[in-house]
Amino acid sequence: MRYDLVIFDNDGVLVDSEPISNRYLAAYLTELGHPTSYEDSIRDYMGSAMHRIHELVLERTGQRLPDDFDDVFHARVFAAFERELQPVAGVAGVLEKLAADGVPYCVASSGSHARIRVGHRTTGLDRWFAQERIFSSEDVGRGKPAPDLFLHAAARMGVAPQRCVVVEDSPLGVQAAVAAGMDVYGFTAMTPAEKLAGAGQLFADMGELLDLLI
């Protein structure tokens, strides 16, 4: 194995949540008077921590989102997760192999701890992610594209940044990994390859990942 730690993004990499969450985000923003299409949401907010959504809306419109925005959004999305969410195709096999070979891995997500846990429980991925392997933007001051979350995860896992590889599917996540001094592999199943141009490797099928890591 070329690395001492594999850091997975969560949404779109471990769980196929981006279509669901962006559909509900676009609908809720539109409901609040900020017309947003699904495509707009993917372009502007995919990979973002919640604070970035608030910041962009305020910057663009001069209006603040409601105080209960996060709670209402998460309630709607979590309910949809319970009905619809699936693991990303092939990722269970990747995690099973890493665990069997004793390769350290973790998840570092812009999503909240609650969102990560709901997604993992619903899809059965919780069997591979004990709490000490889960890191959220809630744990640091700044979310992606700042490097803070990835650096925090590496420090907690006891691995130097240059010995880590990040698996990401969003431009913000790729930027964060590069800023952290880590190698990054861009997963292009949902994101056009040109938007992940900063990644050292690109792949479209999760079944390809293990060969890239060797």
N, C-alpha and C. Protein backbone atom coordinates (compact mmCIF):
# COMPACT_ATOMS: atom_id res chain seq x y z
N MET A 1 0.85 -1.19 0.00
CA MET A 1 0.00 0.00 0.00
C MET A 1 0.88 1.25 0.00
N ARG A 2 0.56 2.19 -0.85
CA ARG A 2 1.38 3.39 -1.02
C ARG A 2 1.20 4.40 0.09
N TYR A 3 0.15 4.25 0.90
CA TYR A 3 -0.20 5.26 1.89
C TYR A 3 -0.41 4.63 3.27
N ASP A 4 -0.26 5.46 4.30
CA ASP A 4 -0.48 4.99 5.66
C ASP A 4 -1.89 5.29 6.16
N LEU A 5 -2.65 6.09 5.39
CA LEU A 5 -4.02 6.40 5.77
C LEU A 5 -4.82 6.77 4.52
N VAL A 6 -6.00 6.17 4.39
CA VAL A 6 -6.94 6.51 3.32
C VAL A 6 -8.08 7.30 3.97
N ILE A 7 -8.28 8.53 3.52
CA ILE A 7 -9.33 9.40 4.06
C ILE A 7 -10.44 9.50 3.02
N PHE A 8 -11.61 9.05 3.38
CA PHE A 8 -12.76 9.10 2.47
C PHE A 8 -13.63 10.32 2.77
N ASP A 9 -14.02 11.04 1.73
CA ASP A 9 -15.17 11.92 1.85
C ASP A 9 -16.37 11.01 2.06
N ASN A 10 -17.49 11.57 2.50
CA ASN A 10 -18.66 10.73 2.76
C ASN A 10 -19.71 10.82 1.65
N ASP A 11 -20.29 12.00 1.48
CA ASP A 11 -21.39 12.17 0.54
C ASP A 11 -20.89 12.06 -0.90
N GLY A 12 -21.42 11.07 -1.61
CA GLY A 12 -21.02 10.85 -2.99
C GLY A 12 -19.85 9.90 -3.16
N VAL A 13 -19.16 9.61 -2.06
CA VAL A 13 -18.02 8.68 -2.11
C VAL A 13 -18.35 7.38 -1.36
N LEU A 14 -18.88 7.51 -0.16
CA LEU A 14 -19.31 6.33 0.59
C LEU A 14 -20.80 6.07 0.42
N VAL A 15 -21.59 7.13 0.53
CA VAL A 15 -23.04 7.00 0.38
C VAL A 15 -23.51 7.85 -0.79
N ASP A 16 -24.48 7.34 -1.53
CA ASP A 16 -24.94 8.03 -2.75
C ASP A 16 -25.99 9.08 -2.38
N SER A 17 -25.56 10.06 -1.61
CA SER A 17 -26.48 11.02 -1.00
C SER A 17 -26.60 12.33 -1.76
N GLU A 18 -25.65 12.64 -2.64
CA GLU A 18 -25.66 13.96 -3.27
C GLU A 18 -26.95 14.22 -4.08
N PRO A 19 -27.45 13.28 -4.88
CA PRO A 19 -28.70 13.56 -5.59
C PRO A 19 -29.86 13.88 -4.65
N ILE A 20 -29.93 13.15 -3.53
CA ILE A 20 -31.02 13.37 -2.59
C ILE A 20 -30.87 14.73 -1.91
N SER A 21 -29.70 14.98 -1.32
CA SER A 21 -29.53 16.19 -0.52
C SER A 21 -29.61 17.45 -1.38
N ASN A 22 -29.08 17.41 -2.59
CA ASN A 22 -29.15 18.60 -3.43
C ASN A 22 -30.55 18.84 -3.98
N ARG A 23 -31.30 17.78 -4.17
CA ARG A 23 -32.70 17.94 -4.57
C ARG A 23 -33.50 18.67 -3.48
N TYR A 24 -33.28 18.24 -2.24
CA TYR A 24 -34.00 18.87 -1.13
C TYR A 24 -33.47 20.26 -0.82
N LEU A 25 -32.17 20.46 -0.96
CA LEU A 25 -31.62 21.79 -0.72
C LEU A 25 -32.15 22.80 -1.73
N ALA A 26 -32.16 22.43 -3.00
CA ALA A 26 -32.68 23.33 -4.04
C ALA A 26 -34.14 23.67 -3.77
N ALA A 27 -34.92 22.67 -3.39
CA ALA A 27 -36.34 22.90 -3.14
C ALA A 27 -36.56 23.81 -1.94
N TYR A 28 -35.77 23.61 -0.88
CA TYR A 28 -35.96 24.41 0.34
C TYR A 28 -35.52 25.86 0.11
N LEU A 29 -34.39 26.06 -0.56
CA LEU A 29 -33.95 27.42 -0.85
C LEU A 29 -34.98 28.14 -1.72
N THR A 30 -35.52 27.44 -2.70
CA THR A 30 -36.55 28.03 -3.56
C THR A 30 -37.79 28.39 -2.75
N GLU A 31 -38.16 27.50 -1.86
CA GLU A 31 -39.32 27.74 -0.98
C GLU A 31 -39.12 29.00 -0.14
N LEU A 32 -37.88 29.28 0.23
CA LEU A 32 -37.58 30.44 1.06
C LEU A 32 -37.37 31.72 0.25
N GLY A 33 -37.59 31.64 -1.07
CA GLY A 33 -37.47 32.83 -1.90
C GLY A 33 -36.13 33.02 -2.56
N HIS A 34 -35.33 31.96 -2.59
CA HIS A 34 -34.02 32.00 -3.26
C HIS A 34 -34.04 30.95 -4.37
N PRO A 35 -34.61 31.27 -5.52
CA PRO A 35 -34.80 30.26 -6.58
C PRO A 35 -33.49 29.53 -6.91
N THR A 36 -33.53 28.22 -6.77
CA THR A 36 -32.34 27.38 -6.94
C THR A 36 -32.74 26.11 -7.64
N SER A 37 -32.09 25.79 -8.74
CA SER A 37 -32.34 24.52 -9.41
C SER A 37 -31.43 23.44 -8.82
N TYR A 38 -31.77 22.20 -9.14
CA TYR A 38 -30.91 21.08 -8.72
C TYR A 38 -29.49 21.29 -9.24
N GLU A 39 -29.36 21.72 -10.49
CA GLU A 39 -28.04 21.94 -11.10
C GLU A 39 -27.30 23.07 -10.38
N ASP A 40 -28.04 24.12 -10.00
CA ASP A 40 -27.43 25.21 -9.23
C ASP A 40 -26.86 24.69 -7.92
N SER A 41 -27.63 23.85 -7.25
CA SER A 41 -27.22 23.33 -5.95
C SER A 41 -25.96 22.49 -6.08
N ILE A 42 -25.92 21.62 -7.09
CA ILE A 42 -24.73 20.80 -7.33
C ILE A 42 -23.52 21.70 -7.57
N ARG A 43 -23.70 22.71 -8.41
CA ARG A 43 -22.58 23.59 -8.77
C ARG A 43 -22.07 24.40 -7.58
N ASP A 44 -22.99 24.93 -6.79
CA ASP A 44 -22.61 25.90 -5.77
C ASP A 44 -22.36 25.31 -4.40
N TYR A 45 -23.02 24.21 -4.07
CA TYR A 45 -23.02 23.75 -2.68
C TYR A 45 -22.50 22.34 -2.47
N MET A 46 -22.31 21.56 -3.53
CA MET A 46 -21.84 20.19 -3.36
C MET A 46 -20.49 20.18 -2.65
N GLY A 47 -20.41 19.44 -1.57
CA GLY A 47 -19.18 19.36 -0.78
C GLY A 47 -19.04 20.42 0.28
N SER A 48 -20.04 21.30 0.39
CA SER A 48 -19.96 22.41 1.34
C SER A 48 -20.42 22.01 2.74
N ALA A 49 -19.81 22.63 3.74
CA ALA A 49 -20.38 22.60 5.07
C ALA A 49 -21.58 23.55 5.10
N MET A 50 -22.45 23.37 6.08
CA MET A 50 -23.66 24.18 6.14
C MET A 50 -23.37 25.66 6.24
N HIS A 51 -22.31 26.02 6.95
CA HIS A 51 -22.03 27.45 7.11
C HIS A 51 -21.77 28.12 5.77
N ARG A 52 -21.24 27.38 4.82
CA ARG A 52 -20.96 27.97 3.51
C ARG A 52 -22.25 28.28 2.76
N ILE A 53 -23.27 27.48 2.93
CA ILE A 53 -24.56 27.76 2.31
C ILE A 53 -25.10 29.09 2.84
N HIS A 54 -25.06 29.25 4.15
CA HIS A 54 -25.51 30.50 4.76
C HIS A 54 -24.70 31.69 4.22
N GLU A 55 -23.39 31.52 4.14
CA GLU A 55 -22.52 32.62 3.71
C GLU A 55 -22.79 33.01 2.26
N LEU A 56 -22.98 32.02 1.38
CA LEU A 56 -23.21 32.33 -0.03
C LEU A 56 -24.56 33.01 -0.24
N VAL A 57 -25.59 32.54 0.45
CA VAL A 57 -26.90 33.17 0.31
C VAL A 57 -26.85 34.61 0.81
N LEU A 58 -26.22 34.85 1.94
CA LEU A 58 -26.10 36.20 2.47
C LEU A 58 -25.30 37.10 1.52
N GLU A 59 -24.21 36.57 0.99
CA GLU A 59 -23.37 37.34 0.07
C GLU A 59 -24.13 37.72 -1.20
N ARG A 60 -24.93 36.79 -1.70
CA ARG A 60 -25.61 37.01 -2.98
C ARG A 60 -26.90 37.82 -2.85
N THR A 61 -27.57 37.69 -1.73
CA THR A 61 -28.90 38.29 -1.62
C THR A 61 -29.00 39.36 -0.54
N GLY A 62 -28.04 39.38 0.38
CA GLY A 62 -28.12 40.29 1.51
C GLY A 62 -29.10 39.82 2.56
N GLN A 63 -29.65 38.62 2.41
CA GLN A 63 -30.63 38.10 3.35
C GLN A 63 -30.06 36.87 4.08
N ARG A 64 -30.39 36.78 5.35
CA ARG A 64 -29.96 35.63 6.14
C ARG A 64 -31.00 34.51 6.06
N LEU A 65 -30.52 33.29 6.03
CA LEU A 65 -31.43 32.15 6.10
C LEU A 65 -32.01 32.06 7.51
N PRO A 66 -33.19 31.46 7.66
CA PRO A 66 -33.82 31.37 8.99
C PRO A 66 -32.92 30.65 10.00
N ASP A 67 -33.12 31.00 11.26
CA ASP A 67 -32.31 30.40 12.32
C ASP A 67 -32.46 28.88 12.37
N ASP A 68 -33.64 28.39 11.98
CA ASP A 68 -33.87 26.95 12.04
C ASP A 68 -33.61 26.26 10.70
N PHE A 69 -32.92 26.94 9.79
CA PHE A 69 -32.69 26.39 8.45
C PHE A 69 -32.02 25.02 8.53
N ASP A 70 -30.93 24.92 9.29
CA ASP A 70 -30.20 23.65 9.35
C ASP A 70 -31.07 22.53 9.88
N ASP A 71 -31.83 22.81 10.94
CA ASP A 71 -32.65 21.77 11.56
C ASP A 71 -33.74 21.29 10.60
N VAL A 72 -34.41 22.24 9.92
CA VAL A 72 -35.48 21.86 8.99
C VAL A 72 -34.90 21.08 7.81
N PHE A 73 -33.80 21.57 7.26
CA PHE A 73 -33.18 20.89 6.12
C PHE A 73 -32.76 19.47 6.49
N HIS A 74 -32.09 19.33 7.63
CA HIS A 74 -31.62 18.01 8.03
C HIS A 74 -32.79 17.06 8.29
N ALA A 75 -33.85 17.56 8.88
CA ALA A 75 -35.01 16.69 9.13
C ALA A 75 -35.57 16.16 7.82
N ARG A 76 -35.66 17.01 6.82
CA ARG A 76 -36.18 16.57 5.52
C ARG A 76 -35.24 15.58 4.84
N VAL A 77 -33.96 15.89 4.88
CA VAL A 77 -32.98 15.04 4.21
C VAL A 77 -32.84 13.69 4.91
N PHE A 78 -32.80 13.71 6.24
CA PHE A 78 -32.65 12.45 6.98
C PHE A 78 -33.83 11.54 6.72
N ALA A 79 -35.03 12.10 6.66
CA ALA A 79 -36.22 11.29 6.35
C ALA A 79 -36.10 10.66 4.97
N ALA A 80 -35.58 11.45 4.01
CA ALA A 80 -35.38 10.93 2.66
C ALA A 80 -34.30 9.85 2.65
N PHE A 81 -33.25 10.05 3.43
CA PHE A 81 -32.20 9.03 3.53
C PHE A 81 -32.78 7.70 3.98
N GLU A 82 -33.63 7.76 4.99
CA GLU A 82 -34.21 6.52 5.53
C GLU A 82 -34.99 5.77 4.45
N ARG A 83 -35.59 6.51 3.52
CA ARG A 83 -36.40 5.89 2.46
C ARG A 83 -35.57 5.47 1.26
N GLU A 84 -34.53 6.25 0.91
CA GLU A 84 -33.92 6.12 -0.41
C GLU A 84 -32.42 5.81 -0.44
N LEU A 85 -31.69 6.13 0.61
CA LEU A 85 -30.23 6.15 0.52
C LEU A 85 -29.63 4.76 0.29
N GLN A 86 -28.64 4.71 -0.58
CA GLN A 86 -27.89 3.50 -0.88
C GLN A 86 -26.39 3.78 -0.75
N PRO A 87 -25.58 2.75 -0.46
CA PRO A 87 -24.13 2.96 -0.50
C PRO A 87 -23.68 3.17 -1.94
N VAL A 88 -22.59 3.85 -2.13
CA VAL A 88 -22.01 3.96 -3.47
C VAL A 88 -21.63 2.56 -3.94
N ALA A 89 -21.96 2.25 -5.17
CA ALA A 89 -21.70 0.92 -5.71
C ALA A 89 -20.22 0.57 -5.61
N GLY A 90 -19.91 -0.56 -5.02
CA GLY A 90 -18.55 -1.05 -4.92
C GLY A 90 -17.79 -0.62 -3.69
N VAL A 91 -18.31 0.33 -2.91
CA VAL A 91 -17.52 0.84 -1.80
C VAL A 91 -17.45 -0.15 -0.65
N ALA A 92 -18.48 -0.99 -0.47
CA ALA A 92 -18.42 -1.99 0.60
C ALA A 92 -17.25 -2.94 0.39
N GLY A 93 -17.02 -3.33 -0.86
CA GLY A 93 -15.89 -4.21 -1.15
C GLY A 93 -14.56 -3.55 -0.87
N VAL A 94 -14.45 -2.27 -1.15
CA VAL A 94 -13.22 -1.52 -0.86
C VAL A 94 -12.96 -1.49 0.64
N LEU A 95 -13.98 -1.16 1.42
CA LEU A 95 -13.82 -1.09 2.87
C LEU A 95 -13.51 -2.45 3.46
N GLU A 96 -14.15 -3.48 2.96
CA GLU A 96 -13.90 -4.83 3.45
C GLU A 96 -12.45 -5.23 3.22
N LYS A 97 -11.91 -4.90 2.05
CA LYS A 97 -10.53 -5.23 1.73
C LYS A 97 -9.54 -4.44 2.59
N LEU A 98 -9.79 -3.14 2.75
CA LEU A 98 -8.91 -2.32 3.58
C LEU A 98 -8.90 -2.84 5.01
N ALA A 99 -10.09 -3.15 5.54
CA ALA A 99 -10.16 -3.66 6.91
C ALA A 99 -9.46 -5.01 7.04
N ALA A 100 -9.64 -5.88 6.06
CA ALA A 100 -9.02 -7.21 6.11
C ALA A 100 -7.50 -7.12 6.05
N ASP A 101 -7.00 -6.13 5.31
CA ASP A 101 -5.55 -5.97 5.15
C ASP A 101 -4.94 -5.10 6.24
N GLY A 102 -5.77 -4.58 7.13
CA GLY A 102 -5.25 -3.74 8.22
C GLY A 102 -4.79 -2.38 7.78
N VAL A 103 -5.34 -1.86 6.69
CA VAL A 103 -4.96 -0.54 6.19
C VAL A 103 -5.79 0.52 6.92
N PRO A 104 -5.16 1.47 7.59
CA PRO A 104 -5.92 2.51 8.29
C PRO A 104 -6.74 3.36 7.32
N TYR A 105 -7.96 3.67 7.73
CA TYR A 105 -8.83 4.52 6.91
C TYR A 105 -9.78 5.26 7.84
N CYS A 106 -10.39 6.32 7.34
CA CYS A 106 -11.36 7.09 8.11
C CYS A 106 -12.23 7.87 7.13
N VAL A 107 -13.22 8.58 7.67
CA VAL A 107 -14.05 9.46 6.86
C VAL A 107 -13.91 10.88 7.40
N ALA A 108 -13.81 11.84 6.49
CA ALA A 108 -13.74 13.26 6.86
C ALA A 108 -14.73 14.00 5.96
N SER A 109 -15.84 14.42 6.56
CA SER A 109 -16.97 14.91 5.79
C SER A 109 -17.36 16.33 6.17
N SER A 110 -17.83 17.09 5.17
CA SER A 110 -18.41 18.40 5.45
C SER A 110 -19.72 18.27 6.21
N GLY A 111 -20.35 17.12 6.15
CA GLY A 111 -21.62 16.90 6.83
C GLY A 111 -21.44 16.78 8.34
N SER A 112 -22.54 16.94 9.04
CA SER A 112 -22.52 16.83 10.50
C SER A 112 -22.32 15.37 10.92
N HIS A 113 -21.96 15.19 12.19
CA HIS A 113 -21.86 13.83 12.72
C HIS A 113 -23.20 13.10 12.61
N ALA A 114 -24.28 13.82 12.87
CA ALA A 114 -25.60 13.19 12.78
C ALA A 114 -25.88 12.72 11.36
N ARG A 115 -25.54 13.55 10.38
CA ARG A 115 -25.77 13.17 8.98
C ARG A 115 -24.94 11.94 8.61
N ILE A 116 -23.69 11.92 9.03
CA ILE A 116 -22.82 10.78 8.73
C ILE A 116 -23.40 9.50 9.34
N ARG A 117 -23.81 9.58 10.61
CA ARG A 117 -24.31 8.39 11.30
C ARG A 117 -25.61 7.87 10.67
N VAL A 118 -26.51 8.79 10.31
CA VAL A 118 -27.76 8.36 9.67
C VAL A 118 -27.46 7.64 8.36
N GLY A 119 -26.57 8.23 7.56
CA GLY A 119 -26.23 7.63 6.28
C GLY A 119 -25.58 6.27 6.41
N HIS A 120 -24.67 6.14 7.37
CA HIS A 120 -23.98 4.86 7.55
C HIS A 120 -24.91 3.80 8.11
N ARG A 121 -25.76 4.19 9.05
CA ARG A 121 -26.69 3.22 9.62
C ARG A 121 -27.67 2.73 8.56
N THR A 122 -28.16 3.65 7.75
CA THR A 122 -29.17 3.29 6.73
C THR A 122 -28.58 2.36 5.68
N THR A 123 -27.33 2.57 5.33
CA THR A 123 -26.71 1.80 4.25
C THR A 123 -25.92 0.59 4.73
N GLY A 124 -25.77 0.45 6.05
CA GLY A 124 -24.99 -0.67 6.58
C GLY A 124 -23.50 -0.44 6.63
N LEU A 125 -23.06 0.77 6.28
CA LEU A 125 -21.62 1.05 6.31
C LEU A 125 -21.11 1.29 7.73
N ASP A 126 -22.02 1.40 8.69
CA ASP A 126 -21.59 1.65 10.07
C ASP A 126 -20.72 0.52 10.61
N ARG A 127 -20.80 -0.65 10.03
CA ARG A 127 -19.98 -1.78 10.50
C ARG A 127 -18.49 -1.51 10.31
N TRP A 128 -18.15 -0.62 9.37
CA TRP A 128 -16.73 -0.32 9.11
C TRP A 128 -16.27 0.99 9.73
N PHE A 129 -17.17 1.73 10.37
CA PHE A 129 -16.79 3.05 10.88
C PHE A 129 -17.16 3.22 12.34
N ALA A 130 -16.23 2.82 13.20
CA ALA A 130 -16.37 3.14 14.62
C ALA A 130 -16.23 4.65 14.78
N GLN A 131 -16.67 5.18 15.91
CA GLN A 131 -16.69 6.62 16.11
C GLN A 131 -15.31 7.26 15.93
N GLU A 132 -14.27 6.54 16.32
CA GLU A 132 -12.92 7.12 16.23
C GLU A 132 -12.43 7.24 14.79
N ARG A 133 -13.17 6.71 13.84
CA ARG A 133 -12.82 6.84 12.43
C ARG A 133 -13.65 7.93 11.72
N ILE A 134 -14.47 8.66 12.46
CA ILE A 134 -15.40 9.62 11.85
C ILE A 134 -15.03 11.04 12.23
N PHE A 135 -14.84 11.89 11.22
CA PHE A 135 -14.49 13.28 11.43
C PHE A 135 -15.41 14.16 10.58
N SER A 136 -15.88 15.24 11.20
CA SER A 136 -16.85 16.13 10.57
C SER A 136 -16.34 17.56 10.60
N SER A 137 -16.87 18.38 9.68
CA SER A 137 -16.53 19.80 9.70
C SER A 137 -16.95 20.44 11.02
N GLU A 138 -17.88 19.80 11.74
CA GLU A 138 -18.24 20.29 13.08
C GLU A 138 -17.05 20.28 14.03
N ASP A 139 -16.03 19.47 13.73
CA ASP A 139 -14.89 19.30 14.63
C ASP A 139 -13.85 20.41 14.47
N VAL A 140 -13.96 21.22 13.42
CA VAL A 140 -12.94 22.23 13.12
C VAL A 140 -13.62 23.58 12.86
N GLY A 141 -12.82 24.61 12.81
CA GLY A 141 -13.37 25.95 12.62
C GLY A 141 -13.83 26.24 11.21
N ARG A 142 -13.14 25.67 10.23
CA ARG A 142 -13.46 25.95 8.83
C ARG A 142 -13.62 24.65 8.06
N GLY A 143 -14.68 24.59 7.24
CA GLY A 143 -14.89 23.42 6.40
C GLY A 143 -14.12 23.53 5.09
N LYS A 144 -14.27 22.54 4.24
CA LYS A 144 -13.65 22.55 2.91
C LYS A 144 -14.14 23.77 2.14
N PRO A 145 -13.28 24.48 1.39
CA PRO A 145 -11.97 24.07 0.86
C PRO A 145 -10.77 24.32 1.77
N ALA A 146 -10.99 24.79 3.00
CA ALA A 146 -9.86 24.90 3.93
C ALA A 146 -9.33 23.51 4.25
N PRO A 147 -8.05 23.39 4.55
CA PRO A 147 -7.46 22.06 4.81
C PRO A 147 -7.71 21.54 6.21
N ASP A 148 -8.35 22.34 7.06
CA ASP A 148 -8.42 22.04 8.49
C ASP A 148 -8.95 20.65 8.81
N LEU A 149 -10.03 20.25 8.14
CA LEU A 149 -10.67 18.98 8.46
C LEU A 149 -9.74 17.81 8.15
N PHE A 150 -9.11 17.83 6.99
CA PHE A 150 -8.22 16.72 6.63
C PHE A 150 -7.00 16.68 7.54
N LEU A 151 -6.47 17.84 7.88
CA LEU A 151 -5.32 17.88 8.80
C LEU A 151 -5.73 17.37 10.18
N HIS A 152 -6.92 17.72 10.62
CA HIS A 152 -7.43 17.24 11.91
C HIS A 152 -7.57 15.71 11.90
N ALA A 153 -8.13 15.18 10.83
CA ALA A 153 -8.30 13.73 10.73
C ALA A 153 -6.96 13.01 10.75
N ALA A 154 -6.01 13.52 9.99
CA ALA A 154 -4.68 12.88 9.95
C ALA A 154 -4.02 12.92 11.32
N ALA A 155 -4.11 14.07 12.00
CA ALA A 155 -3.50 14.19 13.32
C ALA A 155 -4.13 13.22 14.31
N ARG A 156 -5.46 13.12 14.29
CA ARG A 156 -6.13 12.21 15.21
C ARG A 156 -5.81 10.75 14.90
N MET A 157 -5.58 10.45 13.63
CA MET A 157 -5.22 9.09 13.24
C MET A 157 -3.72 8.82 13.36
N GLY A 158 -2.95 9.86 13.68
CA GLY A 158 -1.52 9.70 13.92
C GLY A 158 -0.69 9.50 12.67
N VAL A 159 -1.10 10.12 11.56
CA VAL A 159 -0.40 9.94 10.29
C VAL A 159 -0.02 11.31 9.73
N ALA A 160 1.18 11.43 9.20
CA ALA A 160 1.63 12.69 8.60
C ALA A 160 0.85 12.96 7.31
N PRO A 161 0.54 14.22 7.01
CA PRO A 161 -0.25 14.52 5.82
C PRO A 161 0.31 13.93 4.53
N GLN A 162 1.62 13.93 4.38
CA GLN A 162 2.20 13.44 3.13
C GLN A 162 2.08 11.93 2.97
N ARG A 163 1.64 11.25 4.02
CA ARG A 163 1.43 9.80 3.94
C ARG A 163 -0.06 9.46 3.80
N CYS A 164 -0.88 10.48 3.54
CA CYS A 164 -2.32 10.28 3.41
C CYS A 164 -2.77 10.43 1.96
N VAL A 165 -3.82 9.73 1.61
CA VAL A 165 -4.51 9.96 0.34
C VAL A 165 -5.98 10.21 0.64
N VAL A 166 -6.55 11.19 -0.03
CA VAL A 166 -7.96 11.56 0.16
C VAL A 166 -8.75 11.11 -1.07
N VAL A 167 -9.91 10.53 -0.85
CA VAL A 167 -10.81 10.13 -1.93
C VAL A 167 -11.98 11.12 -1.92
N GLU A 168 -12.11 11.92 -2.97
CA GLU A 168 -13.06 13.03 -3.01
C GLU A 168 -13.83 13.05 -4.31
N ASP A 169 -15.03 13.66 -4.26
CA ASP A 169 -15.81 13.81 -5.48
C ASP A 169 -16.27 15.24 -5.71
N SER A 170 -15.78 16.19 -4.91
CA SER A 170 -16.19 17.58 -5.09
C SER A 170 -14.98 18.47 -5.30
N PRO A 171 -15.12 19.54 -6.08
CA PRO A 171 -14.01 20.49 -6.26
C PRO A 171 -13.53 21.07 -4.94
N LEU A 172 -14.46 21.37 -4.02
CA LEU A 172 -14.05 21.92 -2.72
C LEU A 172 -13.20 20.92 -1.94
N GLY A 173 -13.57 19.66 -2.00
CA GLY A 173 -12.81 18.64 -1.30
C GLY A 173 -11.43 18.44 -1.88
N VAL A 174 -11.33 18.47 -3.22
CA VAL A 174 -10.02 18.36 -3.86
C VAL A 174 -9.14 19.53 -3.45
N GLN A 175 -9.69 20.72 -3.45
CA GLN A 175 -8.92 21.90 -3.04
C GLN A 175 -8.43 21.75 -1.60
N ALA A 176 -9.29 21.25 -0.72
CA ALA A 176 -8.91 21.08 0.68
C ALA A 176 -7.79 20.07 0.84
N ALA A 177 -7.87 18.96 0.11
CA ALA A 177 -6.83 17.93 0.21
C ALA A 177 -5.49 18.45 -0.30
N VAL A 178 -5.52 19.15 -1.42
CA VAL A 178 -4.28 19.72 -1.96
C VAL A 178 -3.69 20.72 -0.98
N ALA A 179 -4.54 21.55 -0.38
CA ALA A 179 -4.07 22.54 0.59
C ALA A 179 -3.48 21.88 1.83
N ALA A 180 -3.96 20.67 2.14
CA ALA A 180 -3.44 19.93 3.29
C ALA A 180 -2.14 19.21 2.98
N GLY A 181 -1.69 19.25 1.73
CA GLY A 181 -0.46 18.58 1.35
C GLY A 181 -0.62 17.08 1.17
N MET A 182 -1.84 16.66 0.87
CA MET A 182 -2.12 15.23 0.70
C MET A 182 -2.37 14.90 -0.77
N ASP A 183 -2.08 13.67 -1.16
CA ASP A 183 -2.50 13.20 -2.47
C ASP A 183 -4.02 13.07 -2.47
N VAL A 184 -4.62 13.24 -3.64
CA VAL A 184 -6.07 13.15 -3.71
C VAL A 184 -6.47 12.43 -4.98
N TYR A 185 -7.41 11.50 -4.85
CA TYR A 185 -7.97 10.78 -5.98
C TYR A 185 -9.40 11.28 -6.19
N GLY A 186 -9.69 11.72 -7.39
CA GLY A 186 -10.99 12.29 -7.70
C GLY A 186 -11.94 11.25 -8.26
N PHE A 187 -13.08 11.10 -7.62
CA PHE A 187 -14.12 10.13 -8.04
C PHE A 187 -15.10 10.86 -8.95
N THR A 188 -15.14 10.45 -10.21
CA THR A 188 -15.86 11.21 -11.23
C THR A 188 -17.21 10.61 -11.60
N ALA A 189 -17.75 9.73 -10.75
CA ALA A 189 -19.03 9.11 -11.08
C ALA A 189 -20.14 10.14 -11.25
N MET A 190 -20.05 11.24 -10.49
CA MET A 190 -21.09 12.26 -10.55
C MET A 190 -20.55 13.61 -10.97
N THR A 191 -19.26 13.84 -10.76
CA THR A 191 -18.65 15.13 -11.05
C THR A 191 -17.80 15.05 -12.31
N PRO A 192 -17.98 15.96 -13.26
CA PRO A 192 -17.14 15.94 -14.46
C PRO A 192 -15.66 15.99 -14.12
N ALA A 193 -14.87 15.23 -14.83
CA ALA A 193 -13.45 15.11 -14.53
C ALA A 193 -12.74 16.45 -14.52
N GLU A 194 -13.15 17.36 -15.42
CA GLU A 194 -12.45 18.64 -15.50
C GLU A 194 -12.64 19.48 -14.23
N LYS A 195 -13.69 19.22 -13.48
CA LYS A 195 -13.92 19.96 -12.24
C LYS A 195 -13.06 19.43 -11.09
N LEU A 196 -12.46 18.27 -11.28
CA LEU A 196 -11.58 17.67 -10.27
C LEU A 196 -10.13 17.64 -10.76
N ALA A 197 -9.79 18.62 -11.59
CA ALA A 197 -8.49 18.61 -12.26
C ALA A 197 -7.31 18.66 -11.29
N GLY A 198 -7.53 19.12 -10.07
CA GLY A 198 -6.44 19.19 -9.11
C GLY A 198 -6.07 17.85 -8.51
N ALA A 199 -6.86 16.82 -8.77
CA ALA A 199 -6.58 15.49 -8.23
C ALA A 199 -5.44 14.82 -8.99
N GLY A 200 -4.66 14.04 -8.26
CA GLY A 200 -3.54 13.35 -8.90
C GLY A 200 -3.98 12.17 -9.74
N GLN A 201 -5.09 11.55 -9.36
CA GLN A 201 -5.67 10.43 -10.09
C GLN A 201 -7.17 10.67 -10.21
N LEU A 202 -7.76 10.23 -11.30
CA LEU A 202 -9.20 10.29 -11.50
C LEU A 202 -9.72 8.89 -11.78
N PHE A 203 -10.89 8.56 -11.24
CA PHE A 203 -11.48 7.25 -11.51
C PHE A 203 -12.99 7.38 -11.44
N ALA A 204 -13.68 6.57 -12.22
CA ALA A 204 -15.14 6.68 -12.33
C ALA A 204 -15.88 5.51 -11.71
N ASP A 205 -15.18 4.44 -11.39
CA ASP A 205 -15.79 3.24 -10.83
C ASP A 205 -15.07 2.90 -9.53
N MET A 206 -15.83 2.78 -8.44
CA MET A 206 -15.20 2.52 -7.15
C MET A 206 -14.39 1.23 -7.15
N GLY A 207 -14.73 0.31 -8.04
CA GLY A 207 -13.95 -0.91 -8.15
C GLY A 207 -12.52 -0.70 -8.59
N GLU A 208 -12.21 0.46 -9.15
CA GLU A 208 -10.86 0.79 -9.59
C GLU A 208 -9.96 1.26 -8.46
N LEU A 209 -10.55 1.66 -7.34
CA LEU A 209 -9.78 2.35 -6.31
C LEU A 209 -8.67 1.50 -5.71
N LEU A 210 -8.95 0.25 -5.41
CA LEU A 210 -7.94 -0.57 -4.75
C LEU A 210 -6.67 -0.70 -5.60
N ASP A 211 -6.84 -0.84 -6.91
CA ASP A 211 -5.66 -0.93 -7.77
C ASP A 211 -4.86 0.35 -7.76
N LEU A 212 -5.54 1.49 -7.65
CA LEU A 212 -4.85 2.78 -7.61
C LEU A 212 -4.05 2.95 -6.31
N LEU A 213 -4.52 2.35 -5.24
CA LEU A 213 -3.87 2.53 -3.94
C LEU A 213 -2.64 1.68 -3.76
N ILE A 214 -2.49 0.67 -4.57
CA ILE A 214 -1.35 -0.25 -4.40
C ILE A 214 -0.07 0.38 -4.91
